[in-house]
């Protein structure tokens, strides 16, 4: 499985989604199933849309850092 931006310490994967990857309900369903399979392995998946990555990069960066900070403070509790 290819993960866009995975942090193994916190077991957090950030998916950088473009609109072309969710052009159909089947593609969205595939991603949701994949997210559930990763959750069963203890990996949190956080998705950011292409729009947010392009138009709100500073906010996305803040959110990523906040998530990683929170997860790092709980390392070991999720394993």
PDB file of N, CA and C in Angstrom:
ATOM      1  N   UNK A   1       0.851  -1.175   0.000  1.00  0.00           N
ATOM      2  CA  UNK A   1       0.000   0.000   0.000  1.00  0.00           C
ATOM      3  C   UNK A   1       0.894   1.235   0.000  1.00  0.00           C
ATOM      4  N   UNK A   2       0.606   2.168  -0.894  1.00  0.00           N
ATOM      5  CA  UNK A   2       1.357   3.416  -0.954  1.00  0.00           C
ATOM      6  C   UNK A   2       0.698   4.428  -0.028  1.00  0.00           C
ATOM      7  N   UNK A   3       1.494   5.026   0.846  1.00  0.00           N
ATOM      8  CA  UNK A   3       1.014   6.063   1.748  1.00  0.00           C
ATOM      9  C   UNK A   3       1.658   7.379   1.330  1.00  0.00           C
ATOM     10  N   UNK A   4       0.850   8.434   1.211  1.00  0.00           N
ATOM     11  CA  UNK A   4       1.369   9.719   0.733  1.00  0.00           C
ATOM     12  C   UNK A   4       2.439  10.304   1.654  1.00  0.00           C
ATOM     13  N   UNK A   5       2.118  10.463   2.921  1.00  0.00           N
ATOM     14  CA  UNK A   5       3.058  11.060   3.877  1.00  0.00           C
ATOM     15  C   UNK A   5       2.853  10.383   5.219  1.00  0.00           C
ATOM     16  N   UNK A   6       3.659   9.363   5.481  1.00  0.00           N
ATOM     17  CA  UNK A   6       3.491   8.530   6.670  1.00  0.00           C
ATOM     18  C   UNK A   6       4.551   8.854   7.713  1.00  0.00           C
ATOM     19  N   UNK A   7       4.104   9.027   8.967  1.00  0.00           N
ATOM     20  CA  UNK A   7       5.012   9.214  10.091  1.00  0.00           C
ATOM     21  C   UNK A   7       4.972   7.935  10.929  1.00  0.00           C
ATOM     22  N   UNK A   8       6.008   7.105  10.849  1.00  0.00           N
ATOM     23  CA  UNK A   8       5.978   5.830  11.556  1.00  0.00           C
ATOM     24  C   UNK A   8       6.001   5.962  13.081  1.00  0.00           C
ATOM     25  N   UNK A   9       6.549   7.041  13.604  1.00  0.00           N
ATOM     26  CA  UNK A   9       6.601   7.224  15.059  1.00  0.00           C
ATOM     27  C   UNK A   9       5.190   7.334  15.630  1.00  0.00           C
ATOM     28  N   UNK A  10       4.348   8.124  14.974  1.00  0.00           N
ATOM     29  CA  UNK A  10       2.981   8.342  15.471  1.00  0.00           C
ATOM     30  C   UNK A  10       1.951   7.471  14.769  1.00  0.00           C
ATOM     31  N   UNK A  11       2.407   6.716  13.774  1.00  0.00           N
ATOM     32  CA  UNK A  11       1.510   5.861  12.980  1.00  0.00           C
ATOM     33  C   UNK A  11       0.373   6.695  12.385  1.00  0.00           C
ATOM     34  N   UNK A  12       0.770   7.811  11.783  1.00  0.00           N
ATOM     35  CA  UNK A  12      -0.180   8.731  11.164  1.00  0.00           C
ATOM     36  C   UNK A  12       0.168   8.869   9.690  1.00  0.00           C
ATOM     37  N   UNK A  13      -0.848   8.754   8.847  1.00  0.00           N
ATOM     38  CA  UNK A  13      -0.665   8.903   7.411  1.00  0.00           C
ATOM     39  C   UNK A  13      -1.499  10.087   6.924  1.00  0.00           C
ATOM     40  N   UNK A  14      -0.847  10.981   6.221  1.00  0.00           N
ATOM     41  CA  UNK A  14      -1.537  12.125   5.640  1.00  0.00           C
ATOM     42  C   UNK A  14      -1.713  11.860   4.155  1.00  0.00           C
ATOM     43  N   UNK A  15      -2.962  11.821   3.721  1.00  0.00           N
ATOM     44  CA  UNK A  15      -3.283  11.616   2.312  1.00  0.00           C
ATOM     45  C   UNK A  15      -3.545  12.965   1.666  1.00  0.00           C
ATOM     46  N   UNK A  16      -2.884  13.196   0.563  1.00  0.00           N
ATOM     47  CA  UNK A  16      -3.000  14.456  -0.166  1.00  0.00           C
ATOM     48  C   UNK A  16      -3.859  14.182  -1.387  1.00  0.00           C
ATOM     49  N   UNK A  17      -5.150  14.393  -1.233  1.00  0.00           N
ATOM     50  CA  UNK A  17      -6.124  13.982  -2.239  1.00  0.00           C
ATOM     51  C   UNK A  17      -6.383  15.044  -3.285  1.00  0.00           C
ATOM     52  N   UNK A  18      -6.311  14.625  -4.520  1.00  0.00           N
ATOM     53  CA  UNK A  18      -6.717  15.476  -5.629  1.00  0.00           C
ATOM     54  C   UNK A  18      -8.104  15.076  -6.092  1.00  0.00           C
ATOM     55  N   UNK A  19      -8.824  15.994  -6.674  1.00  0.00           N
ATOM     56  CA  UNK A  19     -10.193  15.718  -7.130  1.00  0.00           C
ATOM     57  C   UNK A  19     -10.233  14.572  -8.130  1.00  0.00           C
ATOM     58  N   UNK A  20      -9.196  14.429  -8.917  1.00  0.00           N
ATOM     59  CA  UNK A  20      -9.213  13.374  -9.938  1.00  0.00           C
ATOM     60  C   UNK A  20      -9.205  11.987  -9.326  1.00  0.00           C
ATOM     61  N   UNK A  21      -8.769  11.867  -8.085  1.00  0.00           N
ATOM     62  CA  UNK A  21      -8.735  10.555  -7.439  1.00  0.00           C
ATOM     63  C   UNK A  21     -10.091  10.176  -6.861  1.00  0.00           C
ATOM     64  N   UNK A  22     -11.007  11.115  -6.804  1.00  0.00           N
ATOM     65  CA  UNK A  22     -12.349  10.820  -6.298  1.00  0.00           C
ATOM     66  C   UNK A  22     -13.393  11.225  -7.332  1.00  0.00           C
ATOM     67  N   UNK A  23     -13.156  10.826  -8.561  1.00  0.00           N
ATOM     68  CA  UNK A  23     -14.064  11.180  -9.642  1.00  0.00           C
ATOM     69  C   UNK A  23     -15.325  10.321  -9.650  1.00  0.00           C
ATOM     70  N   UNK A  24     -15.319   9.246  -8.894  1.00  0.00           N
ATOM     71  CA  UNK A  24     -16.499   8.376  -8.875  1.00  0.00           C
ATOM     72  C   UNK A  24     -16.737   7.875  -7.447  1.00  0.00           C
ATOM     73  N   UNK A  25     -17.966   7.473  -7.168  1.00  0.00           N
ATOM     74  CA  UNK A  25     -18.261   6.910  -5.845  1.00  0.00           C
ATOM     75  C   UNK A  25     -17.427   5.655  -5.561  1.00  0.00           C
ATOM     76  N   UNK A  26     -17.102   4.901  -6.587  1.00  0.00           N
ATOM     77  CA  UNK A  26     -16.309   3.686  -6.402  1.00  0.00           C
ATOM     78  C   UNK A  26     -14.892   4.013  -5.927  1.00  0.00           C
ATOM     79  N   UNK A  27     -14.326   5.085  -6.461  1.00  0.00           N
ATOM     80  CA  UNK A  27     -12.987   5.485  -6.023  1.00  0.00           C
ATOM     81  C   UNK A  27     -13.004   5.954  -4.575  1.00  0.00           C
ATOM     82  N   UNK A  28     -14.026   6.696  -4.220  1.00  0.00           N
ATOM     83  CA  UNK A  28     -14.164   7.153  -2.830  1.00  0.00           C
ATOM     84  C   UNK A  28     -14.341   5.950  -1.908  1.00  0.00           C
ATOM     85  N   UNK A  29     -15.160   4.993  -2.322  1.00  0.00           N
ATOM     86  CA  UNK A  29     -15.377   3.776  -1.529  1.00  0.00           C
ATOM     87  C   UNK A  29     -14.068   3.010  -1.339  1.00  0.00           C
ATOM     88  N   UNK A  30     -13.259   2.934  -2.381  1.00  0.00           N
ATOM     89  CA  UNK A  30     -11.963   2.250  -2.293  1.00  0.00           C
ATOM     90  C   UNK A  30     -11.095   2.910  -1.214  1.00  0.00           C
ATOM     91  N   UNK A  31     -11.060   4.233  -1.213  1.00  0.00           N
ATOM     92  CA  UNK A  31     -10.255   4.944  -0.218  1.00  0.00           C
ATOM     93  C   UNK A  31     -10.787   4.721   1.196  1.00  0.00           C
ATOM     94  N   UNK A  32     -12.100   4.725   1.362  1.00  0.00           N
ATOM     95  CA  UNK A  32     -12.684   4.506   2.686  1.00  0.00           C
ATOM     96  C   UNK A  32     -12.373   3.101   3.197  1.00  0.00           C
ATOM     97  N   UNK A  33     -12.414   2.125   2.322  1.00  0.00           N
ATOM     98  CA  UNK A  33     -12.071   0.749   2.719  1.00  0.00           C
ATOM     99  C   UNK A  33     -10.598   0.658   3.110  1.00  0.00           C
ATOM    100  N   UNK A  34      -9.760   1.334   2.357  1.00  0.00           N
ATOM    101  CA  UNK A  34      -8.324   1.350   2.646  1.00  0.00           C
ATOM    102  C   UNK A  34      -8.069   2.033   3.996  1.00  0.00           C
ATOM    103  N   UNK A  35      -8.761   3.140   4.253  1.00  0.00           N
ATOM    104  CA  UNK A  35      -8.626   3.832   5.538  1.00  0.00           C
ATOM    105  C   UNK A  35      -9.023   2.917   6.690  1.00  0.00           C
ATOM    106  N   UNK A  36     -10.088   2.154   6.512  1.00  0.00           N
ATOM    107  CA  UNK A  36     -10.543   1.238   7.555  1.00  0.00           C
ATOM    108  C   UNK A  36      -9.517   0.131   7.787  1.00  0.00           C
ATOM    109  N   UNK A  37      -8.932  -0.393   6.719  1.00  0.00           N
ATOM    110  CA  UNK A  37      -7.907  -1.427   6.860  1.00  0.00           C
ATOM    111  C   UNK A  37      -6.684  -0.882   7.589  1.00  0.00           C
ATOM    112  N   UNK A  38      -6.293   0.342   7.275  1.00  0.00           N
ATOM    113  CA  UNK A  38      -5.160   0.961   7.967  1.00  0.00           C
ATOM    114  C   UNK A  38      -5.494   1.214   9.439  1.00  0.00           C
ATOM    115  N   UNK A  39      -6.727   1.622   9.722  1.00  0.00           N
ATOM    116  CA  UNK A  39      -7.140   1.840  11.112  1.00  0.00           C
ATOM    117  C   UNK A  39      -7.052   0.534  11.905  1.00  0.00           C
ATOM    118  N   UNK A  40      -7.384  -0.580  11.268  1.00  0.00           N
ATOM    119  CA  UNK A  40      -7.277  -1.875  11.938  1.00  0.00           C
ATOM    120  C   UNK A  40      -5.834  -2.203  12.299  1.00  0.00           C
ATOM    121  N   UNK A  41      -4.892  -1.595  11.597  1.00  0.00           N
ATOM    122  CA  UNK A  41      -3.468  -1.763  11.889  1.00  0.00           C
ATOM    123  C   UNK A  41      -2.942  -0.689  12.840  1.00  0.00           C
ATOM    124  N   UNK A  42      -3.844   0.190  13.300  1.00  0.00           N
ATOM    125  CA  UNK A  42      -3.457   1.238  14.233  1.00  0.00           C
ATOM    126  C   UNK A  42      -2.924   2.493  13.580  1.00  0.00           C
ATOM    127  N   UNK A  43      -3.191   2.652  12.286  1.00  0.00           N
ATOM    128  CA  UNK A  43      -2.706   3.830  11.559  1.00  0.00           C
ATOM    129  C   UNK A  43      -3.858   4.806  11.353  1.00  0.00           C
ATOM    130  N   UNK A  44      -3.655   6.035  11.815  1.00  0.00           N
ATOM    131  CA  UNK A  44      -4.626   7.098  11.606  1.00  0.00           C
ATOM    132  C   UNK A  44      -4.410   7.689  10.216  1.00  0.00           C
ATOM    133  N   UNK A  45      -5.480   7.828   9.445  1.00  0.00           N
ATOM    134  CA  UNK A  45      -5.401   8.455   8.129  1.00  0.00           C
ATOM    135  C   UNK A  45      -6.107   9.807   8.195  1.00  0.00           C
ATOM    136  N   UNK A  46      -5.386  10.850   7.790  1.00  0.00           N
ATOM    137  CA  UNK A  46      -5.928  12.200   7.734  1.00  0.00           C
ATOM    138  C   UNK A  46      -5.837  12.650   6.284  1.00  0.00           C
ATOM    139  N   UNK A  47      -6.952  13.111   5.726  1.00  0.00           N
ATOM    140  CA  UNK A  47      -6.987  13.498   4.312  1.00  0.00           C
ATOM    141  C   UNK A  47      -7.117  15.008   4.164  1.00  0.00           C
ATOM    142  N   UNK A  48      -6.345  15.525   3.224  1.00  0.00           N
ATOM    143  CA  UNK A  48      -6.429  16.927   2.852  1.00  0.00           C
ATOM    144  C   UNK A  48      -6.734  17.006   1.367  1.00  0.00           C
ATOM    145  N   UNK A  49      -7.692  17.834   1.009  1.00  0.00           N
ATOM    146  CA  UNK A  49      -8.055  17.991  -0.392  1.00  0.00           C
ATOM    147  C   UNK A  49      -7.021  18.849  -1.120  1.00  0.00           C
ATOM    148  N   UNK A  50      -7.015  18.687  -2.414  1.00  0.00           N
ATOM    149  CA  UNK A  50      -6.130  19.494  -3.261  1.00  0.00           C
ATOM    150  C   UNK A  50      -6.433  20.972  -3.064  1.00  0.00           C
ATOM    151  N   UNK A  51      -7.698  21.303  -2.975  1.00  0.00           N
ATOM    152  CA  UNK A  51      -8.092  22.703  -2.778  1.00  0.00           C
ATOM    153  C   UNK A  51      -7.410  23.285  -1.537  1.00  0.00           C
ATOM    154  N   UNK A  52      -7.513  22.558  -0.404  1.00  0.00           N
ATOM    155  CA  UNK A  52      -6.907  23.064   0.837  1.00  0.00           C
ATOM    156  C   UNK A  52      -5.398  23.142   0.738  1.00  0.00           C
ATOM    157  N   UNK A  53      -4.784  22.166   0.089  1.00  0.00           N
ATOM    158  CA  UNK A  53      -3.327  22.177  -0.051  1.00  0.00           C
ATOM    159  C   UNK A  53      -2.858  23.388  -0.846  1.00  0.00           C
ATOM    160  N   UNK A  54      -3.638  23.779  -1.851  1.00  0.00           N
ATOM    161  CA  UNK A  54      -3.261  24.908  -2.707  1.00  0.00           C
ATOM    162  C   UNK A  54      -3.668  26.240  -2.105  1.00  0.00           C
ATOM    163  N   UNK A  55      -4.876  26.311  -1.521  1.00  0.00           N
ATOM    164  CA  UNK A  55      -5.425  27.589  -1.072  1.00  0.00           C
ATOM    165  C   UNK A  55      -5.250  27.870   0.420  1.00  0.00           C
ATOM    166  N   UNK A  56      -4.947  26.851   1.208  1.00  0.00           N
ATOM    167  CA  UNK A  56      -4.800  27.031   2.651  1.00  0.00           C
ATOM    168  C   UNK A  56      -3.553  26.313   3.183  1.00  0.00           C
ATOM    169  N   UNK A  57      -2.417  26.463   2.518  1.00  0.00           N
ATOM    170  CA  UNK A  57      -1.245  25.676   2.924  1.00  0.00           C
ATOM    171  C   UNK A  57      -0.795  25.952   4.364  1.00  0.00           C
ATOM    172  N   UNK A  58      -0.856  27.179   4.817  1.00  0.00           N
ATOM    173  CA  UNK A  58      -0.424  27.485   6.177  1.00  0.00           C
ATOM    174  C   UNK A  58      -1.342  26.813   7.205  1.00  0.00           C
ATOM    175  N   UNK A  59      -2.638  26.826   6.947  1.00  0.00           N
ATOM    176  CA  UNK A  59      -3.589  26.177   7.860  1.00  0.00           C
ATOM    177  C   UNK A  59      -3.376  24.663   7.864  1.00  0.00           C
ATOM    178  N   UNK A  60      -3.179  24.089   6.700  1.00  0.00           N
ATOM    179  CA  UNK A  60      -2.924  22.645   6.619  1.00  0.00           C
ATOM    180  C   UNK A  60      -1.653  22.303   7.398  1.00  0.00           C
ATOM    181  N   UNK A  61      -0.621  23.096   7.228  1.00  0.00           N
ATOM    182  CA  UNK A  61       0.639  22.876   7.947  1.00  0.00           C
ATOM    183  C   UNK A  61       0.408  22.927   9.456  1.00  0.00           C
ATOM    184  N   UNK A  62      -0.360  23.901   9.917  1.00  0.00           N
ATOM    185  CA  UNK A  62      -0.656  24.006  11.353  1.00  0.00           C
ATOM    186  C   UNK A  62      -1.414  22.771  11.846  1.00  0.00           C
ATOM    187  N   UNK A  63      -2.374  22.320  11.064  1.00  0.00           N
ATOM    188  CA  UNK A  63      -3.151  21.140  11.450  1.00  0.00           C
ATOM    189  C   UNK A  63      -2.275  19.897  11.516  1.00  0.00           C
ATOM    190  N   UNK A  64      -1.407  19.724  10.526  1.00  0.00           N
ATOM    191  CA  UNK A  64      -0.500  18.574  10.512  1.00  0.00           C
ATOM    192  C   UNK A  64       0.387  18.598  11.758  1.00  0.00           C
ATOM    193  N   UNK A  65       0.967  19.750  12.055  1.00  0.00           N
ATOM    194  CA  UNK A  65       1.832  19.857  13.230  1.00  0.00           C
ATOM    195  C   UNK A  65       1.070  19.603  14.526  1.00  0.00           C
ATOM    196  N   UNK A  66      -0.152  20.098  14.616  1.00  0.00           N
ATOM    197  CA  UNK A  66      -0.966  19.870  15.816  1.00  0.00           C
ATOM    198  C   UNK A  66      -1.296  18.385  15.971  1.00  0.00           C
ATOM    199  N   UNK A  67      -1.625  17.728  14.880  1.00  0.00           N
ATOM    200  CA  UNK A  67      -1.937  16.295  14.933  1.00  0.00           C
ATOM    201  C   UNK A  67      -0.709  15.504  15.356  1.00  0.00           C
ATOM    202  N   UNK A  68       0.440  15.791  14.734  1.00  0.00           N
ATOM    203  CA  UNK A  68       1.662  15.074  15.078  1.00  0.00           C
ATOM    204  C   UNK A  68       2.067  15.322  16.528  1.00  0.00           C
ATOM    205  N   UNK A  69       1.921  16.553  16.993  1.00  0.00           N
ATOM    206  CA  UNK A  69       2.248  16.865  18.387  1.00  0.00           C
ATOM    207  C   UNK A  69       1.360  16.072  19.342  1.00  0.00           C
ATOM    208  N   UNK A  70       0.072  16.052  19.072  1.00  0.00           N
ATOM    209  CA  UNK A  70      -0.862  15.316  19.928  1.00  0.00           C
ATOM    210  C   UNK A  70      -0.574  13.818  19.891  1.00  0.00           C
ATOM    211  N   UNK A  71      -0.308  13.295  18.717  1.00  0.00           N
ATOM    212  CA  UNK A  71      -0.041  11.861  18.584  1.00  0.00           C
ATOM    213  C   UNK A  71       1.283  11.487  19.246  1.00  0.00           C
ATOM    214  N   UNK A  72       2.283  12.347  19.126  1.00  0.00           N
ATOM    215  CA  UNK A  72       3.588  12.044  19.740  1.00  0.00           C
ATOM    216  C   UNK A  72       3.484  11.989  21.260  1.00  0.00           C
ATOM    217  N   UNK A  73       2.597  12.809  21.821  1.00  0.00           N
ATOM    218  CA  UNK A  73       2.436  12.788  23.271  1.00  0.00           C
ATOM    219  C   UNK A  73       1.760  11.503  23.740  1.00  0.00           C
ATOM    220  N   UNK A  74       1.175  10.768  22.792  1.00  0.00           N
ATOM    221  CA  UNK A  74       0.482   9.527  23.133  1.00  0.00           C
ATOM    222  C   UNK A  74       1.168   8.292  22.544  1.00  0.00           C
ATOM    223  N   UNK A  75       2.398   8.430  22.047  1.00  0.00           N
ATOM    224  CA  UNK A  75       3.107   7.285  21.466  1.00  0.00           C
ATOM    225  C   UNK A  75       3.160   6.166  22.488  1.00  0.00           C
ATOM    226  N   UNK A  76       2.867   4.979  22.040  1.00  0.00           N
ATOM    227  CA  UNK A  76       2.837   3.828  22.926  1.00  0.00           C
ATOM    228  C   UNK A  76       1.428   3.468  23.360  1.00  0.00           C
ATOM    229  N   UNK A  77       0.567   4.448  23.447  1.00  0.00           N
ATOM    230  CA  UNK A  77      -0.813   4.183  23.842  1.00  0.00           C
ATOM    231  C   UNK A  77      -1.614   3.587  22.697  1.00  0.00           C
ATOM    232  N   UNK A  78      -1.144   3.755  21.459  1.00  0.00           N
ATOM    233  CA  UNK A  78      -1.887   3.276  20.294  1.00  0.00           C
ATOM    234  C   UNK A  78      -1.332   1.968  19.745  1.00  0.00           C
ATOM    235  N   UNK A  79      -0.390   1.383  20.390  1.00  0.00           N
ATOM    236  CA  UNK A  79       0.221   0.149  19.849  1.00  0.00           C
ATOM    237  C   UNK A  79      -0.338  -1.073  20.511  1.00  0.00           C
TER     238      UNK A  79
END
